[in-house]
Amino acid sequence: GEGFKAPTLYQLLSFYGNTELEPEESTSYDLGIEKGQRGSGLHLALTGFRRDSDNLIGFGFTAERPSGVYLNTARARAQGVEAEAGIDLLRGLRLAGIYSYVDAEDRTTGLDLARRPNHFGTIYADWASAFGLGLGADLRIVGPSWDNGANTNRLEGYELLDLRASFGIGDNLELFGRVENVFDADYQTVAGYGTAGRSVFGGIRAKM
């Protein structure tokens, strides 16, 4: 596949903008094998991929722009594998997961690209009853990464657990609720920027 992405107006002209940004171009390859169908029965999939990018658009910090600025990485490569599996354990109960290993490199310096963890994945569990109750949980696991292109500022890995529930009322109404970051994990995806703690949501959905 061939890709092309022009800088957005925000990336060019905002407070963090850079009017000298070049368009991003990429060439990608992937090869995979799959058994079954996602969402039912036994499903297995394995995919290998590689993407070479010129002028990759990213966000970083410089001495002249300590608050942050959009920058081009002249030559970058991201390659790795993605594995996926799912199985129906019992009637109405399904367990699935996905794991990715990604090696993302600045090919000019040989250093890792900023904020690209090598390892990340999610485990899903969903149960649906015969009387309209649905329960689910997601466990997201993200490995450590570097916050900057110089690979001097380390971001720690983290785990997040989300829970959700729903209950159908008749044919047109559904009550739902979810709790994100159940254990109120303290984590960062960008150094110095906060992330949401434990959050609770609920409501009702109506279908016509």
N, C-alpha and C. Protein backbone atom coordinates (compact mmCIF):
# COMPACT_ATOMS: atom_id res chain seq x y z
N GLY A 1 0.82 -1.19 0.00
CA GLY A 1 0.00 0.00 0.00
C GLY A 1 0.86 1.25 0.00
N GLU A 2 0.35 2.28 -0.64
CA GLU A 2 1.03 3.57 -0.69
C GLU A 2 0.19 4.59 0.09
N GLY A 3 0.85 5.41 0.91
CA GLY A 3 0.13 6.40 1.71
C GLY A 3 0.69 7.80 1.52
N PHE A 4 -0.20 8.79 1.65
CA PHE A 4 0.20 10.19 1.57
C PHE A 4 -0.67 10.98 2.54
N LYS A 5 -0.07 11.82 3.37
CA LYS A 5 -0.83 12.64 4.31
C LYS A 5 -0.23 14.03 4.37
N ALA A 6 -1.04 15.02 4.00
CA ALA A 6 -0.59 16.41 4.09
C ALA A 6 -0.77 16.91 5.52
N PRO A 7 0.07 17.83 5.97
CA PRO A 7 -0.11 18.40 7.32
C PRO A 7 -1.46 19.12 7.42
N THR A 8 -2.10 19.02 8.57
CA THR A 8 -3.36 19.71 8.79
C THR A 8 -3.09 21.19 9.09
N LEU A 9 -4.13 21.99 9.00
CA LEU A 9 -3.98 23.41 9.34
C LEU A 9 -3.53 23.58 10.79
N TYR A 10 -4.03 22.73 11.69
CA TYR A 10 -3.61 22.81 13.09
C TYR A 10 -2.12 22.53 13.22
N GLN A 11 -1.64 21.52 12.50
CA GLN A 11 -0.23 21.17 12.58
C GLN A 11 0.66 22.25 11.97
N LEU A 12 0.11 23.02 11.05
CA LEU A 12 0.88 24.08 10.41
C LEU A 12 0.81 25.41 11.15
N LEU A 13 -0.38 25.78 11.64
CA LEU A 13 -0.61 27.17 12.04
C LEU A 13 -0.99 27.37 13.50
N SER A 14 -1.19 26.31 14.27
CA SER A 14 -1.58 26.47 15.66
C SER A 14 -0.39 26.93 16.51
N PHE A 15 -0.63 27.07 17.81
CA PHE A 15 0.44 27.42 18.74
C PHE A 15 1.59 26.42 18.66
N TYR A 16 1.26 25.15 18.37
CA TYR A 16 2.27 24.10 18.26
C TYR A 16 2.67 23.86 16.81
N GLY A 17 2.19 24.69 15.90
CA GLY A 17 2.36 24.45 14.48
C GLY A 17 3.76 24.71 13.96
N ASN A 18 4.00 24.17 12.77
CA ASN A 18 5.29 24.31 12.10
C ASN A 18 5.01 24.48 10.60
N THR A 19 5.20 25.68 10.10
CA THR A 19 4.87 25.96 8.69
C THR A 19 5.84 25.28 7.72
N GLU A 20 6.92 24.70 8.24
CA GLU A 20 7.89 24.03 7.38
C GLU A 20 7.66 22.52 7.28
N LEU A 21 6.56 22.04 7.84
CA LEU A 21 6.26 20.61 7.76
C LEU A 21 6.11 20.16 6.31
N GLU A 22 6.67 18.99 6.01
CA GLU A 22 6.54 18.38 4.70
C GLU A 22 5.43 17.32 4.75
N PRO A 23 4.78 17.03 3.63
CA PRO A 23 3.79 15.95 3.60
C PRO A 23 4.45 14.60 3.92
N GLU A 24 3.68 13.73 4.56
CA GLU A 24 4.16 12.40 4.94
C GLU A 24 3.81 11.40 3.84
N GLU A 25 4.76 10.57 3.48
CA GLU A 25 4.54 9.52 2.48
C GLU A 25 4.99 8.18 3.06
N SER A 26 4.29 7.11 2.70
CA SER A 26 4.64 5.80 3.26
C SER A 26 4.36 4.68 2.27
N THR A 27 5.09 3.60 2.46
CA THR A 27 4.87 2.35 1.72
C THR A 27 4.73 1.24 2.76
N SER A 28 3.68 0.44 2.65
CA SER A 28 3.44 -0.58 3.67
C SER A 28 3.18 -1.94 3.04
N TYR A 29 3.51 -2.97 3.82
CA TYR A 29 3.31 -4.36 3.40
C TYR A 29 2.73 -5.12 4.59
N ASP A 30 1.85 -6.06 4.35
CA ASP A 30 1.42 -6.95 5.41
C ASP A 30 1.04 -8.31 4.83
N LEU A 31 1.25 -9.34 5.63
CA LEU A 31 0.95 -10.71 5.23
C LEU A 31 0.38 -11.42 6.44
N GLY A 32 -0.78 -12.07 6.27
CA GLY A 32 -1.41 -12.70 7.41
C GLY A 32 -2.08 -14.02 7.08
N ILE A 33 -2.40 -14.74 8.14
CA ILE A 33 -3.13 -15.99 8.03
C ILE A 33 -4.23 -15.98 9.09
N GLU A 34 -5.40 -16.52 8.77
CA GLU A 34 -6.54 -16.42 9.67
C GLU A 34 -7.37 -17.70 9.60
N LYS A 35 -7.88 -18.11 10.76
CA LYS A 35 -8.78 -19.26 10.85
C LYS A 35 -10.04 -18.83 11.57
N GLY A 36 -11.21 -19.18 11.01
CA GLY A 36 -12.47 -18.83 11.63
C GLY A 36 -12.86 -17.38 11.37
N GLN A 37 -13.92 -16.94 12.06
CA GLN A 37 -14.41 -15.59 11.90
C GLN A 37 -14.42 -14.88 13.25
N ARG A 38 -13.99 -13.63 13.23
CA ARG A 38 -13.94 -12.83 14.45
C ARG A 38 -15.34 -12.69 15.04
N GLY A 39 -15.49 -12.99 16.33
CA GLY A 39 -16.77 -12.80 17.00
C GLY A 39 -17.56 -14.05 17.25
N SER A 40 -17.14 -15.18 16.69
CA SER A 40 -17.88 -16.43 16.93
C SER A 40 -16.97 -17.62 16.76
N GLY A 41 -17.23 -18.67 17.58
CA GLY A 41 -16.43 -19.88 17.49
C GLY A 41 -14.96 -19.63 17.79
N LEU A 42 -14.13 -20.51 17.25
CA LEU A 42 -12.68 -20.36 17.41
C LEU A 42 -12.14 -19.48 16.30
N HIS A 43 -11.45 -18.43 16.70
CA HIS A 43 -10.86 -17.51 15.73
C HIS A 43 -9.40 -17.30 16.07
N LEU A 44 -8.53 -17.49 15.08
CA LEU A 44 -7.09 -17.27 15.24
C LEU A 44 -6.59 -16.46 14.06
N ALA A 45 -5.68 -15.54 14.31
CA ALA A 45 -5.12 -14.72 13.24
C ALA A 45 -3.71 -14.29 13.60
N LEU A 46 -2.86 -14.26 12.60
CA LEU A 46 -1.49 -13.80 12.78
C LEU A 46 -1.10 -12.98 11.56
N THR A 47 -0.60 -11.76 11.80
CA THR A 47 -0.26 -10.84 10.72
C THR A 47 1.11 -10.25 10.96
N GLY A 48 1.93 -10.23 9.93
CA GLY A 48 3.20 -9.52 9.97
C GLY A 48 3.10 -8.27 9.10
N PHE A 49 3.73 -7.18 9.51
CA PHE A 49 3.59 -5.94 8.77
C PHE A 49 4.88 -5.12 8.82
N ARG A 50 4.98 -4.23 7.85
CA ARG A 50 6.10 -3.28 7.81
C ARG A 50 5.65 -2.02 7.08
N ARG A 51 6.01 -0.86 7.64
CA ARG A 51 5.67 0.41 7.00
C ARG A 51 6.90 1.31 7.02
N ASP A 52 7.33 1.74 5.83
CA ASP A 52 8.43 2.69 5.70
C ASP A 52 7.85 4.06 5.38
N SER A 53 8.26 5.06 6.15
CA SER A 53 7.71 6.40 6.01
C SER A 53 8.81 7.42 5.75
N ASP A 54 8.50 8.38 4.89
CA ASP A 54 9.35 9.55 4.67
C ASP A 54 8.63 10.77 5.22
N ASN A 55 9.36 11.61 5.96
CA ASN A 55 8.79 12.82 6.55
C ASN A 55 7.60 12.50 7.46
N LEU A 56 7.74 11.46 8.29
CA LEU A 56 6.70 11.10 9.24
C LEU A 56 6.38 12.29 10.14
N ILE A 57 5.09 12.64 10.25
CA ILE A 57 4.67 13.78 11.06
C ILE A 57 4.45 13.32 12.50
N GLY A 58 5.14 13.96 13.42
CA GLY A 58 5.01 13.64 14.84
C GLY A 58 5.08 14.90 15.69
N PHE A 59 5.09 14.71 16.99
CA PHE A 59 5.09 15.83 17.94
C PHE A 59 6.28 15.66 18.86
N GLY A 60 7.02 16.73 19.07
CA GLY A 60 8.19 16.66 19.93
C GLY A 60 8.49 17.99 20.57
N PHE A 61 9.65 18.05 21.25
CA PHE A 61 10.05 19.24 21.99
C PHE A 61 11.46 19.62 21.55
N THR A 62 11.69 20.90 21.39
CA THR A 62 13.02 21.40 21.03
C THR A 62 13.40 22.53 21.98
N ALA A 63 14.66 22.92 21.93
CA ALA A 63 15.12 24.01 22.78
C ALA A 63 14.40 25.32 22.43
N GLU A 64 14.12 25.51 21.13
CA GLU A 64 13.41 26.71 20.70
C GLU A 64 11.92 26.64 20.98
N ARG A 65 11.37 25.42 21.04
CA ARG A 65 9.92 25.24 21.26
C ARG A 65 9.72 24.26 22.42
N PRO A 66 10.04 24.67 23.65
CA PRO A 66 9.97 23.74 24.79
C PRO A 66 8.55 23.30 25.12
N SER A 67 7.54 24.02 24.68
CA SER A 67 6.15 23.62 24.93
C SER A 67 5.65 22.60 23.93
N GLY A 68 6.44 22.32 22.89
CA GLY A 68 6.08 21.29 21.92
C GLY A 68 5.83 21.86 20.54
N VAL A 69 6.15 21.05 19.53
CA VAL A 69 5.99 21.47 18.14
C VAL A 69 5.86 20.24 17.26
N TYR A 70 5.11 20.35 16.17
CA TYR A 70 5.02 19.26 15.20
C TYR A 70 6.28 19.24 14.34
N LEU A 71 6.82 18.03 14.15
CA LEU A 71 8.08 17.87 13.45
C LEU A 71 7.99 16.71 12.45
N ASN A 72 8.86 16.75 11.44
CA ASN A 72 9.01 15.62 10.52
C ASN A 72 10.16 14.74 10.97
N THR A 73 9.97 13.43 10.87
CA THR A 73 11.07 12.46 10.97
C THR A 73 11.40 12.03 9.55
N ALA A 74 12.61 12.31 9.11
CA ALA A 74 12.95 12.14 7.69
C ALA A 74 12.69 10.72 7.19
N ARG A 75 13.16 9.71 7.94
CA ARG A 75 13.01 8.32 7.51
C ARG A 75 12.65 7.49 8.74
N ALA A 76 11.52 6.79 8.67
CA ALA A 76 11.07 5.98 9.80
C ALA A 76 10.57 4.63 9.30
N ARG A 77 10.65 3.66 10.20
CA ARG A 77 10.15 2.32 9.87
C ARG A 77 9.44 1.74 11.09
N ALA A 78 8.26 1.15 10.87
CA ALA A 78 7.54 0.42 11.91
C ALA A 78 7.25 -0.97 11.37
N GLN A 79 7.69 -1.98 12.10
CA GLN A 79 7.46 -3.35 11.66
C GLN A 79 7.21 -4.24 12.87
N GLY A 80 6.49 -5.33 12.64
CA GLY A 80 6.19 -6.22 13.76
C GLY A 80 5.17 -7.25 13.40
N VAL A 81 4.55 -7.81 14.44
CA VAL A 81 3.54 -8.86 14.27
C VAL A 81 2.35 -8.55 15.17
N GLU A 82 1.19 -9.02 14.74
CA GLU A 82 -0.03 -8.89 15.53
C GLU A 82 -0.70 -10.26 15.59
N ALA A 83 -1.01 -10.71 16.79
CA ALA A 83 -1.65 -12.01 16.99
C ALA A 83 -3.01 -11.79 17.65
N GLU A 84 -4.01 -12.54 17.20
CA GLU A 84 -5.36 -12.40 17.72
C GLU A 84 -5.98 -13.77 17.91
N ALA A 85 -6.76 -13.92 18.98
CA ALA A 85 -7.42 -15.20 19.26
C ALA A 85 -8.74 -14.95 19.98
N GLY A 86 -9.71 -15.81 19.72
CA GLY A 86 -10.99 -15.72 20.40
C GLY A 86 -11.65 -17.09 20.46
N ILE A 87 -12.40 -17.34 21.55
CA ILE A 87 -13.06 -18.64 21.70
C ILE A 87 -14.31 -18.47 22.56
N ASP A 88 -15.33 -19.23 22.24
CA ASP A 88 -16.55 -19.28 23.06
C ASP A 88 -16.33 -20.33 24.14
N LEU A 89 -16.15 -19.89 25.39
CA LEU A 89 -15.90 -20.82 26.48
C LEU A 89 -17.16 -21.57 26.90
N LEU A 90 -18.26 -20.84 27.01
CA LEU A 90 -19.55 -21.40 27.37
C LEU A 90 -20.61 -20.71 26.53
N ARG A 91 -21.82 -21.16 26.62
CA ARG A 91 -22.90 -20.51 25.91
C ARG A 91 -23.04 -19.05 26.40
N GLY A 92 -22.86 -18.11 25.51
CA GLY A 92 -22.96 -16.70 25.85
C GLY A 92 -21.70 -16.07 26.40
N LEU A 93 -20.66 -16.87 26.67
CA LEU A 93 -19.42 -16.34 27.24
C LEU A 93 -18.28 -16.46 26.24
N ARG A 94 -17.69 -15.33 25.89
CA ARG A 94 -16.61 -15.33 24.91
C ARG A 94 -15.38 -14.63 25.49
N LEU A 95 -14.22 -15.23 25.24
CA LEU A 95 -12.94 -14.67 25.64
C LEU A 95 -12.10 -14.43 24.39
N ALA A 96 -11.52 -13.25 24.28
CA ALA A 96 -10.71 -12.91 23.11
C ALA A 96 -9.56 -12.02 23.52
N GLY A 97 -8.57 -11.93 22.67
CA GLY A 97 -7.44 -11.06 22.97
C GLY A 97 -6.66 -10.73 21.72
N ILE A 98 -5.91 -9.65 21.80
CA ILE A 98 -5.05 -9.23 20.69
C ILE A 98 -3.75 -8.71 21.28
N TYR A 99 -2.63 -9.07 20.63
CA TYR A 99 -1.31 -8.64 21.10
C TYR A 99 -0.51 -8.15 19.90
N SER A 100 0.21 -7.06 20.09
CA SER A 100 1.05 -6.52 19.02
C SER A 100 2.46 -6.28 19.52
N TYR A 101 3.42 -6.67 18.69
CA TYR A 101 4.82 -6.29 18.90
C TYR A 101 5.21 -5.36 17.75
N VAL A 102 5.66 -4.16 18.08
CA VAL A 102 6.00 -3.18 17.05
C VAL A 102 7.39 -2.61 17.34
N ASP A 103 8.25 -2.68 16.34
CA ASP A 103 9.57 -2.06 16.40
C ASP A 103 9.51 -0.82 15.52
N ALA A 104 9.43 0.36 16.15
CA ALA A 104 9.29 1.62 15.43
C ALA A 104 10.59 2.42 15.59
N GLU A 105 11.25 2.71 14.47
CA GLU A 105 12.61 3.25 14.52
C GLU A 105 12.76 4.48 13.63
N ASP A 106 13.50 5.45 14.14
CA ASP A 106 13.98 6.56 13.32
C ASP A 106 15.20 6.03 12.57
N ARG A 107 15.08 5.89 11.26
CA ARG A 107 16.15 5.23 10.50
C ARG A 107 17.36 6.13 10.29
N THR A 108 17.23 7.41 10.61
CA THR A 108 18.38 8.31 10.51
C THR A 108 19.28 8.18 11.73
N THR A 109 18.66 8.11 12.92
CA THR A 109 19.43 8.03 14.17
C THR A 109 19.56 6.62 14.71
N GLY A 110 18.68 5.71 14.30
CA GLY A 110 18.68 4.36 14.85
C GLY A 110 17.96 4.26 16.19
N LEU A 111 17.37 5.36 16.67
CA LEU A 111 16.67 5.35 17.95
C LEU A 111 15.20 5.02 17.76
N ASP A 112 14.54 4.65 18.87
CA ASP A 112 13.11 4.34 18.82
C ASP A 112 12.31 5.62 18.60
N LEU A 113 11.20 5.50 17.86
CA LEU A 113 10.30 6.63 17.72
C LEU A 113 9.62 6.91 19.05
N ALA A 114 9.31 8.18 19.30
CA ALA A 114 8.70 8.58 20.56
C ALA A 114 7.30 8.02 20.71
N ARG A 115 7.00 7.57 21.93
CA ARG A 115 5.65 7.13 22.34
C ARG A 115 5.15 5.96 21.50
N ARG A 116 6.05 5.07 21.13
CA ARG A 116 5.67 3.86 20.41
C ARG A 116 6.12 2.66 21.23
N PRO A 117 5.27 2.15 22.13
CA PRO A 117 5.67 0.99 22.92
C PRO A 117 5.89 -0.23 22.04
N ASN A 118 6.87 -1.06 22.41
CA ASN A 118 7.11 -2.29 21.65
C ASN A 118 6.00 -3.30 21.84
N HIS A 119 5.41 -3.34 23.04
CA HIS A 119 4.42 -4.37 23.36
C HIS A 119 3.12 -3.71 23.83
N PHE A 120 2.01 -4.16 23.31
CA PHE A 120 0.70 -3.75 23.83
C PHE A 120 -0.35 -4.75 23.38
N GLY A 121 -1.38 -4.87 24.19
CA GLY A 121 -2.44 -5.82 23.87
C GLY A 121 -3.65 -5.62 24.75
N THR A 122 -4.72 -6.30 24.42
CA THR A 122 -5.97 -6.21 25.17
C THR A 122 -6.61 -7.59 25.26
N ILE A 123 -7.12 -7.92 26.45
CA ILE A 123 -7.90 -9.14 26.65
C ILE A 123 -9.35 -8.74 26.90
N TYR A 124 -10.27 -9.38 26.18
CA TYR A 124 -11.69 -9.07 26.28
C TYR A 124 -12.45 -10.28 26.82
N ALA A 125 -13.45 -10.02 27.63
CA ALA A 125 -14.37 -11.07 28.08
C ALA A 125 -15.79 -10.50 28.00
N ASP A 126 -16.69 -11.23 27.38
CA ASP A 126 -18.08 -10.78 27.23
C ASP A 126 -19.03 -11.93 27.53
N TRP A 127 -20.08 -11.61 28.29
CA TRP A 127 -21.11 -12.60 28.61
C TRP A 127 -22.48 -12.00 28.31
N ALA A 128 -23.30 -12.74 27.60
CA ALA A 128 -24.66 -12.31 27.26
C ALA A 128 -25.64 -13.36 27.77
N SER A 129 -26.60 -12.93 28.58
CA SER A 129 -27.58 -13.85 29.14
C SER A 129 -28.78 -14.00 28.21
N ALA A 130 -29.61 -14.97 28.53
CA ALA A 130 -30.82 -15.19 27.73
C ALA A 130 -31.92 -14.19 28.07
N PHE A 131 -31.77 -13.43 29.18
CA PHE A 131 -32.83 -12.51 29.60
C PHE A 131 -32.43 -11.04 29.40
N GLY A 132 -31.40 -10.79 28.57
CA GLY A 132 -31.08 -9.42 28.18
C GLY A 132 -29.94 -8.75 28.91
N LEU A 133 -29.34 -9.40 29.91
CA LEU A 133 -28.21 -8.81 30.63
C LEU A 133 -26.91 -9.13 29.92
N GLY A 134 -26.08 -8.12 29.73
CA GLY A 134 -24.76 -8.31 29.14
C GLY A 134 -23.69 -7.72 30.03
N LEU A 135 -22.61 -8.46 30.24
CA LEU A 135 -21.49 -8.01 31.06
C LEU A 135 -20.20 -8.15 30.26
N GLY A 136 -19.28 -7.24 30.48
CA GLY A 136 -18.02 -7.33 29.75
C GLY A 136 -16.88 -6.68 30.51
N ALA A 137 -15.66 -7.06 30.16
CA ALA A 137 -14.46 -6.49 30.77
C ALA A 137 -13.35 -6.45 29.73
N ASP A 138 -12.55 -5.39 29.79
CA ASP A 138 -11.37 -5.25 28.93
C ASP A 138 -10.17 -4.97 29.80
N LEU A 139 -9.10 -5.71 29.60
CA LEU A 139 -7.83 -5.44 30.28
C LEU A 139 -6.81 -5.04 29.23
N ARG A 140 -6.39 -3.78 29.29
CA ARG A 140 -5.43 -3.25 28.32
C ARG A 140 -4.06 -3.20 28.97
N ILE A 141 -3.04 -3.73 28.29
CA ILE A 141 -1.68 -3.78 28.81
C ILE A 141 -0.77 -3.09 27.81
N VAL A 142 -0.03 -2.09 28.26
CA VAL A 142 0.85 -1.31 27.39
C VAL A 142 2.25 -1.29 28.00
N GLY A 143 3.24 -1.62 27.19
CA GLY A 143 4.61 -1.64 27.68
C GLY A 143 5.23 -0.25 27.73
N PRO A 144 6.44 -0.13 28.26
CA PRO A 144 7.12 1.17 28.36
C PRO A 144 7.51 1.69 26.97
N SER A 145 7.75 2.99 26.91
CA SER A 145 8.19 3.62 25.66
C SER A 145 9.01 4.85 26.02
N TRP A 146 9.55 5.49 25.00
CA TRP A 146 10.29 6.74 25.20
C TRP A 146 9.38 7.91 24.88
N ASP A 147 9.47 8.97 25.69
CA ASP A 147 8.64 10.15 25.45
C ASP A 147 9.23 11.07 24.39
N ASN A 148 10.53 10.93 24.12
CA ASN A 148 11.19 11.83 23.18
C ASN A 148 12.04 11.05 22.18
N GLY A 149 12.32 11.71 21.06
CA GLY A 149 13.09 11.05 20.01
C GLY A 149 14.53 10.78 20.40
N ALA A 150 15.06 11.50 21.40
CA ALA A 150 16.42 11.26 21.86
C ALA A 150 16.52 10.05 22.77
N ASN A 151 15.36 9.47 23.15
CA ASN A 151 15.31 8.28 24.00
C ASN A 151 15.99 8.50 25.35
N THR A 152 15.68 9.66 25.96
CA THR A 152 16.24 9.96 27.28
C THR A 152 15.18 10.05 28.36
N ASN A 153 13.90 10.14 27.98
CA ASN A 153 12.82 10.29 28.96
C ASN A 153 11.87 9.10 28.82
N ARG A 154 11.86 8.24 29.83
CA ARG A 154 11.14 6.97 29.76
C ARG A 154 9.70 7.12 30.28
N LEU A 155 8.76 6.58 29.52
CA LEU A 155 7.37 6.46 29.97
C LEU A 155 7.15 5.03 30.44
N GLU A 156 6.66 4.86 31.66
CA GLU A 156 6.44 3.52 32.20
C GLU A 156 5.22 2.87 31.55
N GLY A 157 5.25 1.55 31.50
CA GLY A 157 4.09 0.81 31.02
C GLY A 157 2.94 0.86 32.02
N TYR A 158 1.78 0.43 31.61
CA TYR A 158 0.62 0.50 32.50
C TYR A 158 -0.41 -0.55 32.09
N GLU A 159 -1.35 -0.80 33.02
CA GLU A 159 -2.47 -1.71 32.78
C GLU A 159 -3.76 -1.00 33.16
N LEU A 160 -4.78 -1.13 32.34
CA LEU A 160 -6.07 -0.51 32.59
C LEU A 160 -7.17 -1.55 32.48
N LEU A 161 -8.08 -1.56 33.45
CA LEU A 161 -9.22 -2.46 33.44
C LEU A 161 -10.50 -1.64 33.29
N ASP A 162 -11.31 -1.99 32.31
CA ASP A 162 -12.62 -1.36 32.10
C ASP A 162 -13.71 -2.42 32.25
N LEU A 163 -14.82 -2.05 32.88
CA LEU A 163 -15.97 -2.93 33.04
C LEU A 163 -17.20 -2.28 32.39
N ARG A 164 -18.10 -3.10 31.86
CA ARG A 164 -19.31 -2.57 31.25
C ARG A 164 -20.47 -3.52 31.46
N ALA A 165 -21.67 -2.97 31.42
CA ALA A 165 -22.88 -3.77 31.60
C ALA A 165 -24.01 -3.14 30.81
N SER A 166 -24.96 -3.95 30.39
CA SER A 166 -26.14 -3.45 29.68
C SER A 166 -27.31 -4.37 29.99
N PHE A 167 -28.52 -3.81 29.88
CA PHE A 167 -29.72 -4.61 30.12
C PHE A 167 -30.82 -4.11 29.20
N GLY A 168 -31.32 -5.00 28.37
CA GLY A 168 -32.36 -4.64 27.43
C GLY A 168 -33.73 -4.62 28.09
N ILE A 169 -34.50 -3.57 27.76
CA ILE A 169 -35.88 -3.44 28.24
C ILE A 169 -36.78 -3.42 27.02
N GLY A 170 -37.48 -4.52 26.79
CA GLY A 170 -38.30 -4.61 25.59
C GLY A 170 -37.43 -4.63 24.34
N ASP A 171 -38.00 -4.19 23.24
CA ASP A 171 -37.29 -4.22 21.97
C ASP A 171 -36.56 -2.93 21.65
N ASN A 172 -36.86 -1.85 22.37
CA ASN A 172 -36.36 -0.55 21.95
C ASN A 172 -35.51 0.19 22.98
N LEU A 173 -35.43 -0.31 24.21
CA LEU A 173 -34.69 0.40 25.25
C LEU A 173 -33.58 -0.48 25.83
N GLU A 174 -32.50 0.19 26.21
CA GLU A 174 -31.38 -0.51 26.84
C GLU A 174 -30.74 0.39 27.88
N LEU A 175 -30.61 -0.13 29.09
CA LEU A 175 -29.83 0.55 30.12
C LEU A 175 -28.37 0.13 29.99
N PHE A 176 -27.45 1.07 30.18
CA PHE A 176 -26.05 0.70 30.07
C PHE A 176 -25.23 1.47 31.10
N GLY A 177 -24.09 0.92 31.43
CA GLY A 177 -23.15 1.57 32.33
C GLY A 177 -21.75 1.02 32.11
N ARG A 178 -20.77 1.80 32.43
CA ARG A 178 -19.39 1.33 32.32
C ARG A 178 -18.50 2.07 33.32
N VAL A 179 -17.45 1.40 33.74
CA VAL A 179 -16.44 1.98 34.61
C VAL A 179 -15.10 1.84 33.90
N GLU A 180 -14.46 2.96 33.63
CA GLU A 180 -13.16 2.95 32.98
C GLU A 180 -12.06 3.18 34.01
N ASN A 181 -10.92 2.52 33.80
CA ASN A 181 -9.79 2.60 34.73
C ASN A 181 -10.25 2.26 36.15
N VAL A 182 -10.74 1.05 36.30
CA VAL A 182 -11.37 0.60 37.55
C VAL A 182 -10.46 0.82 38.75
N PHE A 183 -9.19 0.53 38.63
CA PHE A 183 -8.28 0.62 39.77
C PHE A 183 -7.61 1.99 39.87
N ASP A 184 -8.11 2.97 39.12
CA ASP A 184 -7.62 4.35 39.20
C ASP A 184 -6.11 4.42 38.99
N ALA A 185 -5.63 3.71 37.97
CA ALA A 185 -4.20 3.68 37.68
C ALA A 185 -3.68 5.06 37.30
N ASP A 186 -2.51 5.40 37.78
CA ASP A 186 -1.86 6.66 37.46
C ASP A 186 -0.85 6.38 36.35
N TYR A 187 -1.10 6.91 35.16
CA TYR A 187 -0.24 6.61 34.01
C TYR A 187 -0.15 7.82 33.11
N GLN A 188 0.82 7.80 32.19
CA GLN A 188 1.00 8.88 31.23
C GLN A 188 1.25 8.31 29.85
N THR A 189 0.66 8.92 28.84
CA THR A 189 0.98 8.60 27.46
C THR A 189 1.89 9.66 26.85
N VAL A 190 1.94 10.83 27.46
CA VAL A 190 2.87 11.91 27.13
C VAL A 190 3.35 12.50 28.46
N ALA A 191 4.66 12.64 28.63
CA ALA A 191 5.19 13.13 29.92
C ALA A 191 4.63 14.51 30.24
N GLY A 192 4.16 14.67 31.47
CA GLY A 192 3.66 15.95 31.92
C GLY A 192 2.20 16.20 31.63
N TYR A 193 1.55 15.30 30.89
CA TYR A 193 0.14 15.47 30.56
C TYR A 193 -0.67 14.43 31.34
N GLY A 194 -1.69 14.89 32.05
CA GLY A 194 -2.49 13.99 32.87
C GLY A 194 -3.43 13.13 32.04
N THR A 195 -3.86 12.04 32.63
CA THR A 195 -4.84 11.15 32.02
C THR A 195 -5.98 10.94 33.01
N ALA A 196 -7.09 10.48 32.50
CA ALA A 196 -8.28 10.32 33.33
C ALA A 196 -8.09 9.22 34.36
N GLY A 197 -8.57 9.47 35.56
CA GLY A 197 -8.60 8.44 36.59
C GLY A 197 -9.83 7.57 36.42
N ARG A 198 -10.28 6.97 37.52
CA ARG A 198 -11.49 6.15 37.45
C ARG A 198 -12.67 7.01 36.99
N SER A 199 -13.41 6.52 36.01
CA SER A 199 -14.54 7.26 35.44
C SER A 199 -15.74 6.34 35.33
N VAL A 200 -16.91 6.86 35.67
CA VAL A 200 -18.15 6.07 35.64
C VAL A 200 -19.14 6.75 34.71
N PHE A 201 -19.76 5.96 33.84
CA PHE A 201 -20.72 6.47 32.87
C PHE A 201 -21.97 5.58 32.90
N GLY A 202 -23.09 6.15 32.59
CA GLY A 202 -24.33 5.37 32.52
C GLY A 202 -25.37 6.11 31.72
N GLY A 203 -26.38 5.39 31.26
CA GLY A 203 -27.44 6.04 30.50
C GLY A 203 -28.44 5.04 29.96
N ILE A 204 -29.24 5.51 29.06
CA ILE A 204 -30.26 4.67 28.44
C ILE A 204 -30.25 4.94 26.94
N ARG A 205 -30.35 3.89 26.16
CA ARG A 205 -30.37 3.99 24.71
C ARG A 205 -31.78 3.63 24.22
N ALA A 206 -32.22 4.38 23.21
CA ALA A 206 -33.54 4.10 22.61
C ALA A 206 -33.34 3.85 21.13
N LYS A 207 -33.96 2.81 20.60
CA LYS A 207 -33.91 2.49 19.18
C LYS A 207 -35.31 2.64 18.59
N MET A 208 -35.38 3.26 17.43
CA MET A 208 -36.65 3.45 16.77
C MET A 208 -36.96 2.25 15.88
